[in-house]
Protein backbone atom coordinates (compact mmCIF):
# COMPACT_ATOMS: atom_id res chain seq x y z
CA UNK A 1 -4.97 9.93 20.75
CA UNK A 2 -8.19 11.65 21.80
CA UNK A 3 -8.31 15.38 21.14
CA UNK A 4 -9.12 16.17 24.77
CA UNK A 5 -6.01 14.34 25.97
CA UNK A 6 -3.87 16.12 23.37
CA UNK A 7 -5.22 19.47 24.52
CA UNK A 8 -4.54 18.64 28.17
CA UNK A 9 -0.97 17.57 27.42
CA UNK A 10 -0.42 20.59 25.18
CA UNK A 11 -1.75 22.98 27.80
CA UNK A 12 0.51 21.53 30.48
CA UNK A 13 3.47 21.70 28.10
CA UNK A 14 2.76 25.33 27.24
CA UNK A 15 2.34 26.43 30.86
CA UNK A 16 5.50 24.59 31.92
CA UNK A 17 7.51 25.89 28.98
CA UNK A 18 6.47 29.51 29.50
CA UNK A 19 7.27 29.33 33.21
CA UNK A 20 10.73 27.87 32.64
CA UNK A 21 11.39 30.19 29.69
CA UNK A 22 10.50 33.28 31.73
CA UNK A 23 12.77 32.27 34.62
CA UNK A 24 15.70 31.47 32.30
CA UNK A 25 15.29 34.66 30.26
CA UNK A 26 15.09 36.81 33.38
CA UNK A 27 18.03 35.05 35.04
CA UNK A 28 20.14 35.56 31.94
CA UNK A 29 19.22 39.24 31.83
CA UNK A 30 20.03 39.64 35.52
CA UNK A 31 23.41 37.93 35.23
CA UNK A 32 24.69 39.29 31.94
CA UNK A 33 22.81 42.51 31.22
CA UNK A 34 22.93 44.17 34.63
CA UNK A 35 25.37 46.87 33.54
CA UNK A 36 23.89 47.36 30.07
CA UNK A 37 22.07 50.42 28.85
CA UNK A 38 18.31 50.71 29.06
CA UNK A 39 17.82 50.27 25.32
CA UNK A 40 19.69 46.91 25.49
CA UNK A 41 17.25 45.77 28.17
CA UNK A 42 14.35 46.93 26.05
CA UNK A 43 15.60 45.09 22.97
CA UNK A 44 16.40 41.94 24.94
CA UNK A 45 13.02 41.72 26.64
CA UNK A 46 11.21 42.59 23.41
CA UNK A 47 13.03 39.78 21.59
CA UNK A 48 12.60 37.21 24.35
CA UNK A 49 8.99 38.25 24.83
CA UNK A 50 8.24 37.37 21.21
CA UNK A 51 10.61 34.41 20.84
CA UNK A 52 8.56 32.05 23.04
CA UNK A 53 5.77 32.14 20.45
CA UNK A 54 7.72 29.99 17.97
CA UNK A 55 7.83 26.78 20.07
CA UNK A 56 4.33 27.47 21.37
CA UNK A 57 3.08 27.59 17.79
CA UNK A 58 4.33 24.05 17.17
CA UNK A 59 2.69 22.75 20.34
CA UNK A 60 -0.60 24.42 19.38
CA UNK A 61 -0.44 22.94 15.87
CA UNK A 62 0.16 19.51 17.41
CA UNK A 63 -2.79 20.02 19.75
CA UNK A 64 -5.06 20.88 16.82
CA UNK A 65 -4.06 17.77 14.93
CA UNK A 66 -5.58 16.74 11.64
CA UNK A 67 -9.21 17.79 11.67
CA UNK A 68 -11.69 15.59 9.93
CA UNK A 69 -14.21 17.33 7.74
């Protein structure tokens, strides 16, 4: 697969994933953490704000592919 096509697919995947992830994480917080203390909100959004990086890392590695020297 050409590298440009891989980068286009990867970019679309990342943008779509982050959009869906943000909506789901916020909806969960709204439904289940509404009555929680402020520090619970802080911990939750800190964790979910960093957690999206793990799947994104795999997509970025796939986009890079095996580079020829």
